[in-house]
Amino acid sequence: MGEDEMPPLWRKSSFSQSGDCVEWIYSEALVHVRNSKDPSGHALEFTHSEWQAFISGVKSGEADLNVEDI
């Protein structure tokens, strides 16, 4: 990284207030997701299309918790 380049910034949901959060960052080919409490730990990697499918499912309610499913 050159002197003028800023390190990439991890993003976290504005709804995240309890500290139990995930963070994500976009690279050219992948989206990286990690536990915000363990930033040096392992990050999951998804293609952009995988990430978009996940986000679309969340927005449509597919990821909503159902007590009967637990």
Protein backbone atom coordinates (compact mmCIF):
# COMPACT_ATOMS: atom_id res chain seq x y z
CA MET A 1 0.00 0.00 0.00
CA GLY A 2 1.42 3.38 -0.98
CA GLU A 3 1.76 6.33 1.36
CA ASP A 4 -1.29 8.07 -0.09
CA GLU A 5 -3.55 5.01 0.07
CA MET A 6 -5.93 4.52 2.97
CA PRO A 7 -6.49 1.02 4.33
CA PRO A 8 -9.92 -0.36 3.41
CA LEU A 9 -12.61 0.26 6.01
CA TRP A 10 -14.73 -2.54 7.42
CA ARG A 11 -18.44 -1.68 7.60
CA LYS A 12 -20.93 -2.57 10.32
CA SER A 13 -24.71 -2.20 10.36
CA SER A 14 -26.11 0.95 11.92
CA PHE A 15 -28.59 -1.40 13.68
CA SER A 16 -25.69 -3.02 15.52
CA GLN A 17 -25.75 -1.69 19.06
CA SER A 18 -25.29 -4.70 21.35
CA GLY A 19 -21.73 -5.48 20.27
CA ASP A 20 -22.71 -8.83 18.76
CA CYS A 21 -21.95 -7.81 15.21
CA VAL A 22 -20.48 -8.82 11.94
CA GLU A 23 -18.49 -6.52 9.70
CA TRP A 24 -17.98 -6.71 5.97
CA ILE A 25 -15.64 -5.24 3.40
CA TYR A 26 -15.72 -5.35 -0.39
CA SER A 27 -12.71 -6.26 -2.48
CA GLU A 28 -12.56 -6.40 -6.25
CA ALA A 29 -13.73 -10.03 -6.43
CA LEU A 30 -15.10 -10.88 -2.97
CA VAL A 31 -17.02 -9.70 0.07
CA HIS A 32 -15.26 -10.56 3.33
CA VAL A 33 -17.31 -11.00 6.53
CA ARG A 34 -15.88 -11.25 10.06
CA ASN A 35 -16.87 -11.15 13.72
CA SER A 36 -16.43 -7.58 14.94
CA LYS A 37 -15.28 -8.85 18.36
CA ASP A 38 -12.43 -10.81 16.72
CA PRO A 39 -11.06 -8.61 13.91
CA SER A 40 -7.87 -10.65 13.60
CA GLY A 41 -9.82 -13.92 13.32
CA HIS A 42 -10.94 -15.76 10.22
CA ALA A 43 -13.15 -13.95 7.71
CA LEU A 44 -15.68 -15.69 5.50
CA GLU A 45 -15.49 -14.90 1.79
CA PHE A 46 -18.37 -14.63 -0.67
CA THR A 47 -18.55 -13.67 -4.33
CA HIS A 48 -20.47 -10.49 -5.06
CA SER A 49 -23.38 -12.50 -6.49
CA GLU A 50 -23.50 -14.74 -3.39
CA TRP A 51 -23.53 -11.68 -1.14
CA GLN A 52 -26.27 -10.03 -3.22
CA ALA A 53 -28.40 -13.19 -3.01
CA PHE A 54 -27.95 -13.25 0.78
CA ILE A 55 -28.87 -9.56 1.15
CA SER A 56 -31.93 -10.04 -1.08
CA GLY A 57 -33.04 -12.98 1.08
CA VAL A 58 -32.63 -10.96 4.26
CA LYS A 59 -34.62 -8.07 2.81
CA SER A 60 -37.44 -10.40 1.74
CA GLY A 61 -37.68 -11.94 5.22
CA GLU A 62 -36.12 -15.33 4.41
CA ALA A 63 -33.70 -14.97 7.34
CA ASP A 64 -36.26 -13.93 9.93
CA LEU A 65 -36.09 -16.02 13.10
CA ASN A 66 -39.06 -18.25 13.75
CA VAL A 67 -39.18 -19.58 17.31
CA GLU A 68 -40.74 -22.82 16.03
CA ASP A 69 -37.65 -23.46 13.87
CA ILE A 70 -35.25 -23.27 16.81
